[in-house]
Amino acid sequence: MLQMKKNQCWNLNNRFPATDGLSAIQPSYLENKLWIEPDAFPQYFVDAIAVEEARALAASQRPVGIPYSTEKMGIPAWRSIPAYYIVSEQDRTVSSELERFFAERLKATTSTLAASHTSLVSHPQEVAQVMLKAAQEI
């Protein structure tokens, strides 16, 4: 199992109910990088789209560096500009309760969708509407 240093980001996962898809996040074929196991990708990450499309996305996913999820990134933009957040109620990768926590912390205008983690793929029209609303209000 991949060992990560304790920090706020990963500790937040422990404050909310675990998702069944969290176990699908594994070390990738690149050193110090994570990805969603390709075989689990359709089930846990993009379960609301055609399996063929989900497999194509799994094959083309880019592993994420561990520092991306463990290190502070500097002054967050949400402190100085309005934020918008879409909670994916059927997310099997990140707890929707954790997503709501993020949105609250951002003081974001929040929308919810009955969607998996990749609502941008499965609900593009609804996501576009939120983006257009955000652009008009900023």
Protein backbone atom coordinates (compact mmCIF):
# COMPACT_ATOMS: atom_id res chain seq x y z
CA MET A 1 0.00 0.00 0.00
CA LEU A 2 1.21 3.49 -0.82
CA GLN A 3 2.38 5.42 2.23
CA MET A 4 1.58 9.12 2.40
CA LYS A 5 2.52 11.64 5.02
CA LYS A 6 -0.28 12.82 7.28
CA ASN A 7 -1.72 16.15 6.25
CA GLN A 8 -4.94 18.07 6.13
CA CYS A 9 -6.04 16.98 2.66
CA TRP A 10 -5.97 13.23 3.34
CA ASN A 11 -7.17 13.74 6.92
CA LEU A 12 -10.34 15.33 5.53
CA ASN A 13 -11.21 12.01 3.92
CA ASN A 14 -11.23 10.52 7.41
CA ARG A 15 -13.77 13.08 8.65
CA PHE A 16 -16.46 11.94 6.23
CA PRO A 17 -17.89 8.58 5.20
CA ALA A 18 -15.51 6.67 2.97
CA THR A 19 -16.59 5.97 -0.58
CA ASP A 20 -16.27 2.54 -2.09
CA GLY A 21 -14.33 4.03 -5.00
CA LEU A 22 -11.55 5.38 -2.79
CA SER A 23 -9.97 1.93 -2.84
CA ALA A 24 -9.62 2.21 -6.63
CA ILE A 25 -7.10 5.05 -6.26
CA GLN A 26 -3.77 3.25 -6.48
CA PRO A 27 -0.14 3.83 -7.39
CA SER A 28 0.14 4.11 -11.16
CA TYR A 29 2.74 2.79 -13.56
CA LEU A 30 4.75 5.99 -12.89
CA GLU A 31 6.72 6.41 -9.67
CA ASN A 32 5.04 8.61 -7.02
CA LYS A 33 1.91 9.03 -9.12
CA LEU A 34 -1.65 7.91 -8.43
CA TRP A 35 -4.48 6.94 -10.73
CA ILE A 36 -7.82 5.20 -10.74
CA GLU A 37 -7.27 1.53 -11.52
CA PRO A 38 -8.38 1.23 -15.17
CA ASP A 39 -10.60 -1.81 -14.51
CA ALA A 40 -12.38 0.07 -11.70
CA PHE A 41 -12.58 3.39 -13.57
CA PRO A 42 -15.97 2.78 -15.27
CA GLN A 43 -17.63 1.59 -12.06
CA TYR A 44 -16.33 4.18 -9.60
CA PHE A 45 -15.35 7.24 -11.56
CA VAL A 46 -17.69 7.60 -14.54
CA ASP A 47 -20.53 5.16 -13.92
CA ALA A 48 -23.15 7.31 -15.66
CA ILE A 49 -21.76 7.06 -19.19
CA ALA A 50 -21.40 4.28 -21.73
CA VAL A 51 -18.88 1.62 -20.68
CA GLU A 52 -16.95 2.01 -23.95
CA GLU A 53 -16.49 5.74 -23.34
CA ALA A 54 -15.53 5.10 -19.71
CA ARG A 55 -12.90 2.57 -20.78
CA ALA A 56 -11.48 5.07 -23.27
CA LEU A 57 -11.24 7.68 -20.51
CA ALA A 58 -9.59 5.12 -18.22
CA ALA A 59 -7.00 4.32 -20.88
CA SER A 60 -6.24 8.00 -21.43
CA GLN A 61 -6.16 9.14 -17.80
CA ARG A 62 -3.04 10.94 -16.69
CA PRO A 63 -1.62 9.84 -13.32
CA VAL A 64 -1.53 12.59 -10.69
CA GLY A 65 1.56 13.34 -8.65
CA ILE A 66 1.25 12.60 -4.96
CA PRO A 67 2.33 16.17 -4.04
CA TYR A 68 -0.81 17.35 -5.87
CA SER A 69 -2.90 15.87 -3.09
CA THR A 70 -0.55 16.33 -0.14
CA GLU A 71 1.16 19.72 -0.35
CA LYS A 72 -0.10 23.25 0.09
CA MET A 73 -0.30 25.09 -3.21
CA GLY A 74 -0.01 28.71 -2.04
CA ILE A 75 -2.67 31.38 -1.66
CA PRO A 76 -5.96 29.96 -2.97
CA ALA A 77 -7.81 32.01 -5.56
CA TRP A 78 -11.14 31.39 -3.82
CA ARG A 79 -10.12 33.82 -1.10
CA SER A 80 -10.29 36.75 -3.49
CA ILE A 81 -12.78 35.76 -6.22
CA PRO A 82 -16.28 34.26 -6.08
CA ALA A 83 -16.37 30.48 -6.17
CA TYR A 84 -18.90 28.07 -7.66
CA TYR A 85 -19.10 24.40 -6.76
CA ILE A 86 -21.11 21.47 -8.07
CA VAL A 87 -21.65 18.68 -5.56
CA SER A 88 -21.95 15.31 -7.28
CA GLU A 89 -24.50 13.50 -5.13
CA GLN A 90 -23.68 10.06 -6.57
CA ASP A 91 -19.91 10.43 -6.45
CA ARG A 92 -18.29 7.11 -5.55
CA THR A 93 -14.77 8.57 -5.44
CA VAL A 94 -15.15 11.61 -3.16
CA SER A 95 -17.83 11.72 -0.47
CA SER A 96 -20.60 14.19 -1.34
CA GLU A 97 -20.42 15.28 2.31
CA LEU A 98 -16.75 16.14 1.79
CA GLU A 99 -17.68 18.00 -1.40
CA ARG A 100 -20.25 20.04 0.56
CA PHE A 101 -17.55 20.77 3.16
CA PHE A 102 -15.27 22.07 0.39
CA ALA A 103 -18.08 24.23 -1.02
CA GLU A 104 -18.83 25.69 2.41
CA ARG A 105 -15.17 26.40 3.03
CA LEU A 106 -15.00 28.20 -0.32
CA LYS A 107 -18.18 30.13 0.54
CA ALA A 108 -19.20 28.96 -2.92
CA THR A 109 -22.45 29.30 -4.72
CA THR A 110 -23.32 25.62 -4.67
CA SER A 111 -25.32 23.45 -7.04
CA THR A 112 -25.97 19.73 -6.78
CA LEU A 113 -26.31 17.12 -9.48
CA ALA A 114 -27.41 13.49 -9.29
CA ALA A 115 -24.08 12.60 -10.90
CA SER A 116 -20.89 10.61 -10.43
CA HIS A 117 -17.45 12.18 -9.96
CA THR A 118 -17.23 13.27 -13.58
CA SER A 119 -20.39 15.31 -13.86
CA LEU A 120 -18.69 17.37 -16.57
CA VAL A 121 -18.77 14.28 -18.80
CA SER A 122 -22.14 12.84 -17.80
CA HIS A 123 -24.07 16.13 -17.38
CA PRO A 124 -22.38 18.65 -19.69
CA GLN A 125 -25.46 20.84 -20.18
CA GLU A 126 -26.08 21.28 -16.45
CA VAL A 127 -22.40 22.00 -15.78
CA ALA A 128 -22.33 24.50 -18.65
CA GLN A 129 -25.33 26.31 -17.15
CA VAL A 130 -23.49 26.71 -13.82
CA MET A 131 -20.41 27.95 -15.65
CA LEU A 132 -22.43 30.49 -17.65
CA LYS A 133 -24.14 31.71 -14.49
CA ALA A 134 -20.75 32.09 -12.80
CA ALA A 135 -19.34 34.01 -15.76
CA GLN A 136 -22.31 36.38 -15.75
CA GLU A 137 -22.07 37.04 -12.02
CA ILE A 138 -18.32 37.63 -11.78
